[in-house]
Amino acid sequence: MADNVSTRLDTPTNVSLSAGNDVSESSEYKSVSVFLVLLVCGVGIVGNVMVVLVVLTTRHMRTPTNCYLVSLAIADLTVLVAAGLPNVADSLSGTWVFGHVGCLGITYLQYLGINVSSCSITAFTVERYIAICHPMKAQTVCTVSRAKRIIAGVWIFTCVYCMLWFFLVDIQVGEDGHVQCGYRVKRELYLPIYLTDFTVFYVTPLLLAIVLYGLIARVLYVSPLPNHPDTSATTLRRSCRETCEVGKGGRPSRPKTAISSRKQVTKMLAVVVILFALLWMPYRTLVLINSFVSTPYLNAWFLLFCRTCIYANSAINPVIYNAMSQRFRSAFRGLYRCQRPEGLQRTLSTIQTGFGKVREPQTSLATDSKGDDEEARRRTRRRSILDDIKTKQNGSSHQERVSDGGPFETSLCGREDEEWPSSSDPSANVQHSVNDKEDNV
């Protein structure tokens, strides 16, 4: 896990452990190692910092799921800074340059970041399960304040647990004066500690994720979602979506429904879990094997591959958010271009779109440069369309007043991914709250 481990054969293998001096000291190995580590860590540090800034500075991004993603981003930053950057100095100098205090502190931070990232993945997996499979309970369980308390508990527990490493590592000086930061205990003492760490922070989260995501998939793809009583708000929403589904040329559009939003968010988080399992598998397997064999496998290039996979796992999550979440993608762009908050920008654009739709018939008629006959035909056609819309509006005027639709109905229709619950129906409010949490990821 750490970049600093002894090369003694009776010590279990660690991520940055080099095989032989002939390979690890070669210029080719150092060049490739430094390039890969700097590239992956540079991308990961920038991406995770952007995730933290986006969630902290954008109000509509502060959801329970995103709180866990912030915790994961901070843990990944800890891994990249405490494991990746010291490895560059170690590769260039060929010796440990951070002293005894650096040996203890850097090793502690490495394991802290790794274990917190695993706990954060477990936390948002459980949160997704409750939000999708138990939407009524999610109203009181899946809240931002509760997520913050859980995250604080995870960090406190992991900080205390990782203090064990203060007593397991120390500076070692070889006969040739080569200094390393490595384990000071024998394999017999380290093996139970490693197996506990392996079980608690790797095997258990993956088994739990397999079970919970299986239950989530059954709800999203096999069983229908829980039905709620049809209210005036849902009636307005459906009628509005039916109006919005007709685009140019009478072609139906594809609104972003609550089900598709749940599926998209779940897919994104499932990809995070799958990559966590795959990218950590080479190192975990290597250390597990080397803990039992008499002569550990210490191939330098394979160890570099394992180390790069771990750094890539901490760097790739922001890339996944950008690729699979439209809200994260637009928030990243807004942060990069120093734009105004997306929530205000989206509100203004929605209002402008609504008024634009109302003014469109008059503007189009005023600027029509064709003959009088064609203009008359278009005016008649538009009047007919407006009469049909007014008829529908008059038939659902009561529902519009309840849902505050009124004159902004056209702008509300532009928000295909929003839910408008009735204040008199608790079940609709619950469903709306859950949908908001899922759509805002």
Protein backbone atom coordinates (compact mmCIF):
# COMPACT_ATOMS: atom_id res chain seq x y z
CA MET A 1 0.00 0.00 0.00
CA ALA A 2 2.73 2.40 0.85
CA ASP A 3 5.67 3.59 -1.15
CA ASN A 4 8.06 2.80 1.63
CA VAL A 5 8.79 -0.80 2.47
CA SER A 6 11.74 -2.94 3.39
CA THR A 7 13.20 -5.32 0.86
CA ARG A 8 13.75 -8.05 3.40
CA LEU A 9 12.34 -11.37 2.29
CA ASP A 10 10.53 -11.90 5.55
CA THR A 11 8.58 -8.67 5.07
CA PRO A 12 5.35 -8.67 3.02
CA THR A 13 5.40 -6.88 -0.30
CA ASN A 14 4.26 -3.30 -0.61
CA VAL A 15 3.29 -1.17 -3.55
CA SER A 16 6.58 0.59 -4.19
CA LEU A 17 8.81 -2.32 -3.31
CA SER A 18 11.48 -2.79 -5.95
CA ALA A 19 12.75 -6.14 -7.07
CA GLY A 20 16.42 -5.83 -7.66
CA ASN A 21 18.76 -2.89 -7.57
CA ASP A 22 19.83 -3.57 -11.16
CA VAL A 23 16.30 -2.91 -12.44
CA SER A 24 15.06 -0.27 -10.02
CA GLU A 25 18.25 1.78 -10.34
CA SER A 26 18.28 1.73 -14.15
CA SER A 27 17.57 5.01 -15.95
CA GLU A 28 14.85 3.38 -18.06
CA TYR A 29 12.92 2.21 -15.02
CA LYS A 30 13.28 5.56 -13.27
CA SER A 31 12.15 7.52 -16.32
CA VAL A 32 9.04 5.39 -16.87
CA SER A 33 8.20 5.33 -13.17
CA VAL A 34 8.52 9.09 -12.67
CA PHE A 35 6.58 9.86 -15.87
CA LEU A 36 3.66 7.54 -15.04
CA VAL A 37 3.40 8.67 -11.43
CA LEU A 38 3.55 12.37 -12.27
CA LEU A 39 1.00 12.00 -15.08
CA VAL A 40 -1.55 9.98 -13.11
CA CYS A 41 -1.12 11.92 -9.88
CA GLY A 42 -1.27 15.28 -11.65
CA VAL A 43 -4.54 14.43 -13.37
CA GLY A 44 -5.95 12.93 -10.17
CA ILE A 45 -5.06 15.87 -7.95
CA VAL A 46 -6.60 18.41 -10.32
CA GLY A 47 -9.74 16.32 -10.86
CA ASN A 48 -10.40 15.59 -7.18
CA VAL A 49 -9.85 19.22 -6.20
CA MET A 50 -12.45 20.21 -8.82
CA VAL A 51 -14.93 17.69 -7.39
CA VAL A 52 -14.56 19.18 -3.91
CA LEU A 53 -14.87 22.76 -5.18
CA VAL A 54 -17.89 22.01 -7.35
CA VAL A 55 -19.89 20.43 -4.54
CA LEU A 56 -18.89 23.03 -1.95
CA THR A 57 -19.59 26.06 -4.15
CA THR A 58 -22.72 24.90 -6.00
CA ARG A 59 -25.82 24.69 -3.83
CA HIS A 60 -27.85 22.27 -5.95
CA MET A 61 -24.92 19.82 -5.94
CA ARG A 62 -25.02 19.42 -2.14
CA THR A 63 -26.82 16.08 -1.97
CA PRO A 64 -26.17 13.06 0.28
CA THR A 65 -24.56 11.10 -2.55
CA ASN A 66 -22.31 14.01 -3.49
CA CYS A 67 -21.25 14.39 0.15
CA TYR A 68 -19.91 10.85 0.03
CA LEU A 69 -18.22 11.62 -3.29
CA VAL A 70 -16.49 14.60 -1.64
CA SER A 71 -15.23 12.31 1.11
CA LEU A 72 -13.99 9.90 -1.56
CA ALA A 73 -12.27 12.74 -3.42
CA ILE A 74 -10.46 13.93 -0.27
CA ALA A 75 -9.36 10.36 0.48
CA ASP A 76 -8.08 9.97 -3.08
CA LEU A 77 -6.20 13.25 -2.77
CA THR A 78 -4.57 11.91 0.39
CA VAL A 79 -3.46 8.77 -1.42
CA LEU A 80 -2.07 10.66 -4.41
CA VAL A 81 -0.18 13.21 -2.32
CA ALA A 82 1.09 10.84 0.39
CA ALA A 83 1.87 7.85 -1.85
CA GLY A 84 2.48 9.16 -5.36
CA LEU A 85 4.63 12.24 -4.80
CA PRO A 86 7.03 10.67 -2.26
CA ASN A 87 7.53 7.83 -4.73
CA VAL A 88 8.87 10.32 -7.28
CA ALA A 89 11.49 11.59 -4.80
CA ASP A 90 12.37 8.03 -3.81
CA SER A 91 12.83 7.00 -7.45
CA LEU A 92 14.99 9.98 -8.34
CA SER A 93 17.23 9.91 -5.26
CA GLY A 94 17.30 6.14 -4.76
CA THR A 95 16.95 6.56 -1.00
CA TRP A 96 14.43 7.72 1.59
CA VAL A 97 14.81 11.48 2.07
CA PHE A 98 11.93 12.32 4.45
CA GLY A 99 13.45 11.04 7.69
CA HIS A 100 11.87 9.15 10.58
CA VAL A 101 8.91 11.51 11.07
CA GLY A 102 8.19 11.47 7.35
CA CYS A 103 8.27 7.67 7.36
CA LEU A 104 5.63 7.48 10.09
CA GLY A 105 3.45 10.32 8.82
CA ILE A 106 3.45 9.39 5.13
CA THR A 107 2.72 5.72 5.81
CA TYR A 108 -0.13 6.72 8.14
CA LEU A 109 -1.66 9.06 5.54
CA GLN A 110 -1.39 6.42 2.83
CA TYR A 111 -3.37 3.86 4.76
CA LEU A 112 -5.79 6.53 5.99
CA GLY A 113 -6.65 7.61 2.45
CA ILE A 114 -6.98 4.04 1.21
CA ASN A 115 -9.26 2.94 4.03
CA VAL A 116 -11.44 6.07 3.95
CA SER A 117 -11.96 5.69 0.21
CA SER A 118 -13.16 2.13 0.77
CA CYS A 119 -15.55 3.24 3.54
CA SER A 120 -16.87 6.11 1.39
CA ILE A 121 -17.66 3.70 -1.43
CA THR A 122 -19.52 1.47 1.02
CA ALA A 123 -21.45 4.47 2.40
CA PHE A 124 -22.76 5.74 -0.94
CA THR A 125 -23.62 2.16 -1.96
CA VAL A 126 -25.84 1.80 1.10
CA GLU A 127 -27.30 5.27 0.48
CA ARG A 128 -28.23 4.35 -3.09
CA TYR A 129 -29.86 1.15 -1.90
CA ILE A 130 -32.03 2.98 0.63
CA ALA A 131 -32.93 5.78 -1.78
CA ILE A 132 -34.06 3.41 -4.54
CA CYS A 133 -35.37 0.35 -2.73
CA HIS A 134 -36.89 2.20 0.26
CA PRO A 135 -37.90 5.67 -1.03
CA MET A 136 -40.25 6.41 1.89
CA LYS A 137 -37.50 5.73 4.44
CA ALA A 138 -35.02 7.73 2.38
CA GLN A 139 -36.87 10.94 3.25
CA THR A 140 -35.55 10.76 6.83
CA VAL A 141 -32.45 8.58 6.37
CA CYS A 142 -30.84 9.94 3.20
CA THR A 143 -30.27 13.56 4.21
CA VAL A 144 -27.27 15.83 3.88
CA SER A 145 -26.94 16.31 7.64
CA ARG A 146 -26.96 12.55 8.26
CA ALA A 147 -24.44 12.04 5.45
CA LYS A 148 -22.10 14.57 7.09
CA ARG A 149 -22.37 12.77 10.43
CA ILE A 150 -21.64 9.42 8.80
CA ILE A 151 -18.63 10.85 6.97
CA ALA A 152 -17.29 12.38 10.18
CA GLY A 153 -17.68 9.01 11.92
CA VAL A 154 -15.86 7.23 9.08
CA TRP A 155 -12.91 9.60 9.25
CA ILE A 156 -12.68 9.42 13.05
CA PHE A 157 -12.82 5.61 13.06
CA THR A 158 -10.24 5.31 10.29
CA CYS A 159 -7.91 7.86 11.90
CA VAL A 160 -7.90 5.83 15.10
CA TYR A 161 -7.56 2.49 13.31
CA CYS A 162 -4.60 3.62 11.20
CA MET A 163 -2.62 4.75 14.24
CA LEU A 164 -1.50 1.15 14.41
CA TRP A 165 0.96 1.88 11.59
CA PHE A 166 2.93 4.25 13.80
CA PHE A 167 4.21 1.12 15.56
CA LEU A 168 4.79 -1.00 12.44
CA VAL A 169 7.18 1.07 10.32
CA ASP A 170 10.59 2.61 10.92
CA ILE A 171 13.71 3.81 9.15
CA GLN A 172 16.11 1.06 8.04
CA VAL A 173 19.71 1.67 7.01
CA GLY A 174 21.49 -0.94 4.91
CA GLU A 175 25.14 -1.91 5.03
CA ASP A 176 25.79 0.26 1.98
CA GLY A 177 24.16 3.27 3.65
CA HIS A 178 20.94 2.95 1.66
CA VAL A 179 18.02 4.31 3.74
CA GLN A 180 14.49 2.95 3.44
CA CYS A 181 11.23 3.36 5.29
CA GLY A 182 9.91 -0.14 5.87
CA TYR A 183 8.24 -2.56 8.25
CA ARG A 184 10.02 -3.31 11.49
CA VAL A 185 7.97 -6.39 12.36
CA LYS A 186 8.26 -9.91 11.03
CA ARG A 187 5.75 -11.60 8.79
CA GLU A 188 4.22 -13.55 11.67
CA LEU A 189 3.13 -10.32 13.33
CA TYR A 190 2.18 -8.45 10.18
CA LEU A 191 0.10 -11.19 8.54
CA PRO A 192 -2.92 -11.02 10.93
CA ILE A 193 -2.95 -7.23 10.61
CA TYR A 194 -2.86 -7.37 6.84
CA LEU A 195 -5.56 -10.04 6.62
CA THR A 196 -7.81 -7.94 8.85
CA ASP A 197 -7.18 -4.89 6.69
CA PHE A 198 -7.76 -6.92 3.54
CA THR A 199 -11.06 -8.30 4.82
CA VAL A 200 -12.50 -5.10 6.32
CA PHE A 201 -11.50 -2.62 3.63
CA TYR A 202 -11.59 -4.71 0.44
CA VAL A 203 -13.50 -7.99 0.60
CA THR A 204 -16.40 -6.80 2.77
CA PRO A 205 -17.14 -3.61 0.75
CA LEU A 206 -17.10 -5.57 -2.52
CA LEU A 207 -19.40 -8.33 -1.24
CA LEU A 208 -21.80 -5.74 0.17
CA ALA A 209 -21.73 -3.81 -3.11
CA ILE A 210 -22.51 -6.94 -5.12
CA VAL A 211 -25.54 -7.73 -2.96
CA LEU A 212 -26.91 -4.19 -2.78
CA TYR A 213 -26.41 -3.35 -6.45
CA GLY A 214 -28.11 -6.64 -7.30
CA LEU A 215 -31.14 -5.55 -5.27
CA ILE A 216 -31.03 -2.11 -6.87
CA ALA A 217 -30.91 -3.62 -10.36
CA ARG A 218 -33.92 -5.77 -9.54
CA VAL A 219 -35.93 -2.69 -8.59
CA LEU A 220 -34.81 -0.56 -11.55
CA TYR A 221 -34.83 -3.15 -14.31
CA VAL A 222 -37.11 -5.98 -13.19
CA SER A 223 -39.67 -4.84 -10.62
CA PRO A 224 -41.69 -1.66 -11.09
CA LEU A 225 -41.06 1.27 -8.80
CA PRO A 226 -43.53 1.81 -5.94
CA ASN A 227 -46.68 3.51 -7.17
CA HIS A 228 -47.98 6.59 -5.44
CA PRO A 229 -51.51 8.06 -5.53
CA ASP A 230 -52.14 10.26 -8.50
CA THR A 231 -52.47 13.86 -7.40
CA SER A 232 -53.09 17.16 -9.07
CA ALA A 233 -49.34 17.77 -9.20
CA THR A 234 -48.61 14.50 -10.95
CA THR A 235 -51.50 15.17 -13.32
CA LEU A 236 -50.01 18.53 -14.22
CA ARG A 237 -46.58 16.98 -14.61
CA ARG A 238 -47.84 14.30 -16.97
CA SER A 239 -49.91 16.70 -19.06
CA CYS A 240 -46.99 19.10 -19.23
CA ARG A 241 -44.60 16.32 -20.28
CA GLU A 242 -47.05 15.17 -22.92
CA THR A 243 -47.03 18.68 -24.33
CA CYS A 244 -43.25 18.87 -24.16
CA GLU A 245 -42.77 15.47 -25.79
CA VAL A 246 -43.83 16.91 -29.14
CA GLY A 247 -40.87 18.66 -30.70
CA LYS A 248 -40.23 20.13 -34.09
CA GLY A 249 -42.00 18.40 -36.92
CA GLY A 250 -44.20 16.54 -34.44
CA ARG A 251 -41.32 14.27 -33.40
CA PRO A 252 -41.48 13.05 -29.81
CA SER A 253 -38.59 14.06 -27.57
CA ARG A 254 -37.02 11.98 -24.83
CA PRO A 255 -37.59 13.57 -21.42
CA LYS A 256 -35.34 12.62 -18.57
CA THR A 257 -37.63 10.69 -16.27
CA ALA A 258 -37.05 9.81 -12.67
CA ILE A 259 -36.38 6.17 -13.57
CA SER A 260 -33.76 7.05 -16.17
CA SER A 261 -32.13 9.44 -13.69
CA ARG A 262 -31.92 6.70 -11.06
CA LYS A 263 -30.44 4.32 -13.60
CA GLN A 264 -27.83 6.84 -14.74
CA VAL A 265 -26.68 7.68 -11.22
CA THR A 266 -26.59 4.01 -10.23
CA LYS A 267 -24.55 3.13 -13.31
CA MET A 268 -22.02 5.84 -12.51
CA LEU A 269 -21.56 4.70 -8.92
CA ALA A 270 -21.43 1.04 -9.96
CA VAL A 271 -18.60 1.89 -12.37
CA VAL A 272 -16.72 3.52 -9.47
CA VAL A 273 -17.08 0.33 -7.42
CA ILE A 274 -16.09 -1.95 -10.30
CA LEU A 275 -12.95 0.06 -11.05
CA PHE A 276 -12.08 0.07 -7.35
CA ALA A 277 -12.23 -3.74 -7.37
CA LEU A 278 -10.28 -4.18 -10.61
CA LEU A 279 -7.54 -1.62 -10.02
CA TRP A 280 -6.83 -2.80 -6.50
CA MET A 281 -6.90 -6.50 -7.42
CA PRO A 282 -3.28 -6.81 -8.73
CA TYR A 283 -1.75 -5.34 -5.59
CA ARG A 284 -4.07 -7.14 -3.16
CA THR A 285 -3.43 -10.46 -4.89
CA LEU A 286 0.33 -9.92 -4.93
CA VAL A 287 0.54 -9.08 -1.24
CA LEU A 288 -1.73 -11.99 -0.33
CA ILE A 289 0.48 -14.43 -2.21
CA ASN A 290 3.73 -12.95 -0.91
CA SER A 291 2.42 -13.21 2.64
CA PHE A 292 2.49 -17.01 2.45
CA VAL A 293 5.30 -17.95 0.05
CA SER A 294 8.87 -18.27 1.26
CA THR A 295 10.35 -16.09 -1.50
CA PRO A 296 8.17 -13.08 -2.40
CA TYR A 297 7.65 -12.14 -6.03
CA LEU A 298 9.46 -8.80 -6.43
CA ASN A 299 9.51 -8.07 -10.16
CA ALA A 300 10.10 -4.33 -10.46
CA TRP A 301 7.96 -3.78 -13.57
CA PHE A 302 5.02 -5.70 -12.15
CA LEU A 303 5.28 -3.73 -8.91
CA LEU A 304 5.27 -0.53 -10.96
CA PHE A 305 2.12 -1.76 -12.69
CA CYS A 306 0.45 -2.44 -9.33
CA ARG A 307 1.46 0.94 -8.01
CA THR A 308 0.17 2.73 -11.11
CA CYS A 309 -3.17 0.91 -10.87
CA ILE A 310 -3.61 2.18 -7.30
CA TYR A 311 -2.83 5.76 -8.30
CA ALA A 312 -5.14 5.43 -11.31
CA ASN A 313 -7.98 4.30 -9.04
CA SER A 314 -7.62 7.52 -7.05
CA ALA A 315 -7.37 9.64 -10.21
CA ILE A 316 -10.07 8.18 -12.42
CA ASN A 317 -13.19 8.95 -10.38
CA PRO A 318 -13.50 12.61 -11.51
CA VAL A 319 -13.20 11.39 -15.09
CA ILE A 320 -16.12 9.02 -14.50
CA TYR A 321 -18.24 11.82 -13.03
CA ASN A 322 -17.50 14.04 -16.02
CA ALA A 323 -18.29 11.28 -18.52
CA MET A 324 -21.46 9.89 -16.93
CA SER A 325 -23.07 12.83 -15.08
CA GLN A 326 -24.38 15.80 -17.03
CA ARG A 327 -24.68 17.91 -13.88
CA PHE A 328 -21.06 17.28 -12.88
CA ARG A 329 -19.97 17.97 -16.44
CA SER A 330 -21.72 21.34 -16.63
CA ALA A 331 -20.56 22.19 -13.10
CA PHE A 332 -16.97 21.42 -14.08
CA ARG A 333 -17.31 23.69 -17.12
CA GLY A 334 -18.76 26.45 -14.98
CA LEU A 335 -15.90 26.14 -12.51
CA TYR A 336 -13.31 26.12 -15.28
CA ARG A 337 -14.79 29.15 -17.08
CA CYS A 338 -15.50 31.01 -13.82
CA GLN A 339 -19.17 31.27 -14.77
CA ARG A 340 -21.96 32.20 -12.43
CA PRO A 341 -23.56 29.36 -10.41
CA GLU A 342 -25.33 26.84 -12.57
CA GLY A 343 -28.51 26.98 -10.50
CA LEU A 344 -28.98 30.71 -11.22
CA GLN A 345 -27.91 30.26 -14.81
CA ARG A 346 -30.36 27.41 -15.33
CA THR A 347 -33.21 29.38 -13.74
CA LEU A 348 -32.60 32.42 -15.94
CA SER A 349 -32.32 30.32 -19.09
CA THR A 350 -35.54 28.51 -18.18
CA ILE A 351 -37.46 31.76 -17.74
CA GLN A 352 -36.03 33.14 -20.96
CA THR A 353 -37.01 29.97 -22.79
CA GLY A 354 -40.53 30.22 -21.41
CA PHE A 355 -41.02 33.81 -22.52
CA GLY A 356 -39.35 33.02 -25.82
CA LYS A 357 -41.93 30.32 -26.51
CA VAL A 358 -44.74 32.78 -25.81
CA ARG A 359 -43.26 35.46 -28.05
CA GLU A 360 -42.21 33.10 -30.82
CA PRO A 361 -45.48 33.20 -32.82
CA GLN A 362 -45.56 37.01 -32.95
CA THR A 363 -41.88 37.33 -33.79
CA SER A 364 -42.05 34.69 -36.46
CA LEU A 365 -45.08 36.37 -38.08
CA ALA A 366 -43.48 39.81 -37.92
CA THR A 367 -40.27 38.67 -39.60
CA ASP A 368 -41.84 36.45 -42.23
CA SER A 369 -40.65 37.69 -45.59
CA LYS A 370 -42.75 35.46 -47.80
CA GLY A 371 -45.93 36.28 -49.64
CA ASP A 372 -49.19 37.36 -48.07
CA ASP A 373 -50.89 34.06 -48.81
CA GLU A 374 -48.23 31.98 -47.09
CA GLU A 375 -48.17 34.39 -44.15
CA ALA A 376 -51.92 34.11 -43.77
CA ARG A 377 -51.73 30.33 -43.80
CA ARG A 378 -49.03 30.31 -41.12
CA ARG A 379 -50.97 32.78 -39.00
CA THR A 380 -54.05 30.60 -39.20
CA ARG A 381 -52.06 27.49 -38.30
CA ARG A 382 -50.47 29.14 -35.29
CA ARG A 383 -53.77 30.51 -34.08
CA SER A 384 -55.18 27.02 -34.25
CA ILE A 385 -52.28 25.68 -32.18
CA LEU A 386 -52.68 28.47 -29.62
CA ASP A 387 -56.41 27.77 -29.36
CA ASP A 388 -55.68 24.10 -28.64
CA ILE A 389 -53.16 25.05 -25.95
CA LYS A 390 -55.61 27.48 -24.35
CA THR A 391 -58.27 24.80 -24.32
CA LYS A 392 -55.96 22.42 -22.48
CA GLN A 393 -54.94 25.17 -20.08
CA ASN A 394 -58.56 26.00 -19.27
CA GLY A 395 -59.28 22.33 -18.63
CA SER A 396 -56.43 22.04 -16.15
CA SER A 397 -56.55 25.54 -14.59
CA HIS A 398 -57.21 24.15 -11.12
CA GLN A 399 -54.15 21.91 -11.26
CA GLU A 400 -52.00 24.79 -12.51
CA ARG A 401 -52.99 26.97 -9.58
CA VAL A 402 -52.17 24.23 -7.08
CA SER A 403 -48.73 23.59 -8.61
CA ASP A 404 -47.92 27.27 -9.21
CA GLY A 405 -47.79 26.61 -12.93
CA GLY A 406 -49.77 29.65 -14.12
CA PRO A 407 -48.13 31.81 -16.76
CA PHE A 408 -44.80 29.95 -16.44
CA GLU A 409 -46.19 26.64 -17.67
CA THR A 410 -44.11 26.77 -20.82
CA SER A 411 -40.93 27.25 -18.82
CA LEU A 412 -41.87 24.43 -16.50
CA CYS A 413 -42.33 22.17 -19.47
CA GLY A 414 -38.79 22.93 -20.45
CA ARG A 415 -37.64 21.30 -17.20
CA GLU A 416 -38.31 17.72 -18.20
CA ASP A 417 -36.24 16.31 -15.39
CA GLU A 418 -38.05 18.11 -12.55
CA GLU A 419 -40.79 16.83 -10.29
CA TRP A 420 -43.48 19.14 -8.88
CA PRO A 421 -45.11 17.61 -5.82
CA SER A 422 -48.36 18.72 -4.31
CA SER A 423 -47.97 20.20 -0.85
CA SER A 424 -51.01 18.26 0.31
CA ASP A 425 -49.63 14.85 -0.61
CA PRO A 426 -46.78 13.57 1.60
CA SER A 427 -46.00 10.64 -0.68
CA ALA A 428 -45.49 12.95 -3.62
CA ASN A 429 -43.20 15.12 -1.52
CA VAL A 430 -41.18 12.07 -0.54
CA GLN A 431 -40.83 10.95 -4.12
CA HIS A 432 -39.89 14.46 -5.20
CA SER A 433 -37.17 14.68 -2.56
CA VAL A 434 -35.66 11.37 -3.57
CA ASN A 435 -35.77 12.27 -7.25
CA ASP A 436 -34.01 15.56 -6.55
CA LYS A 437 -31.21 13.77 -4.76
CA GLU A 438 -30.76 11.39 -7.65
CA ASP A 439 -31.02 14.01 -10.41
CA ASN A 440 -28.51 16.31 -8.74
CA VAL A 441 -25.62 13.87 -8.97
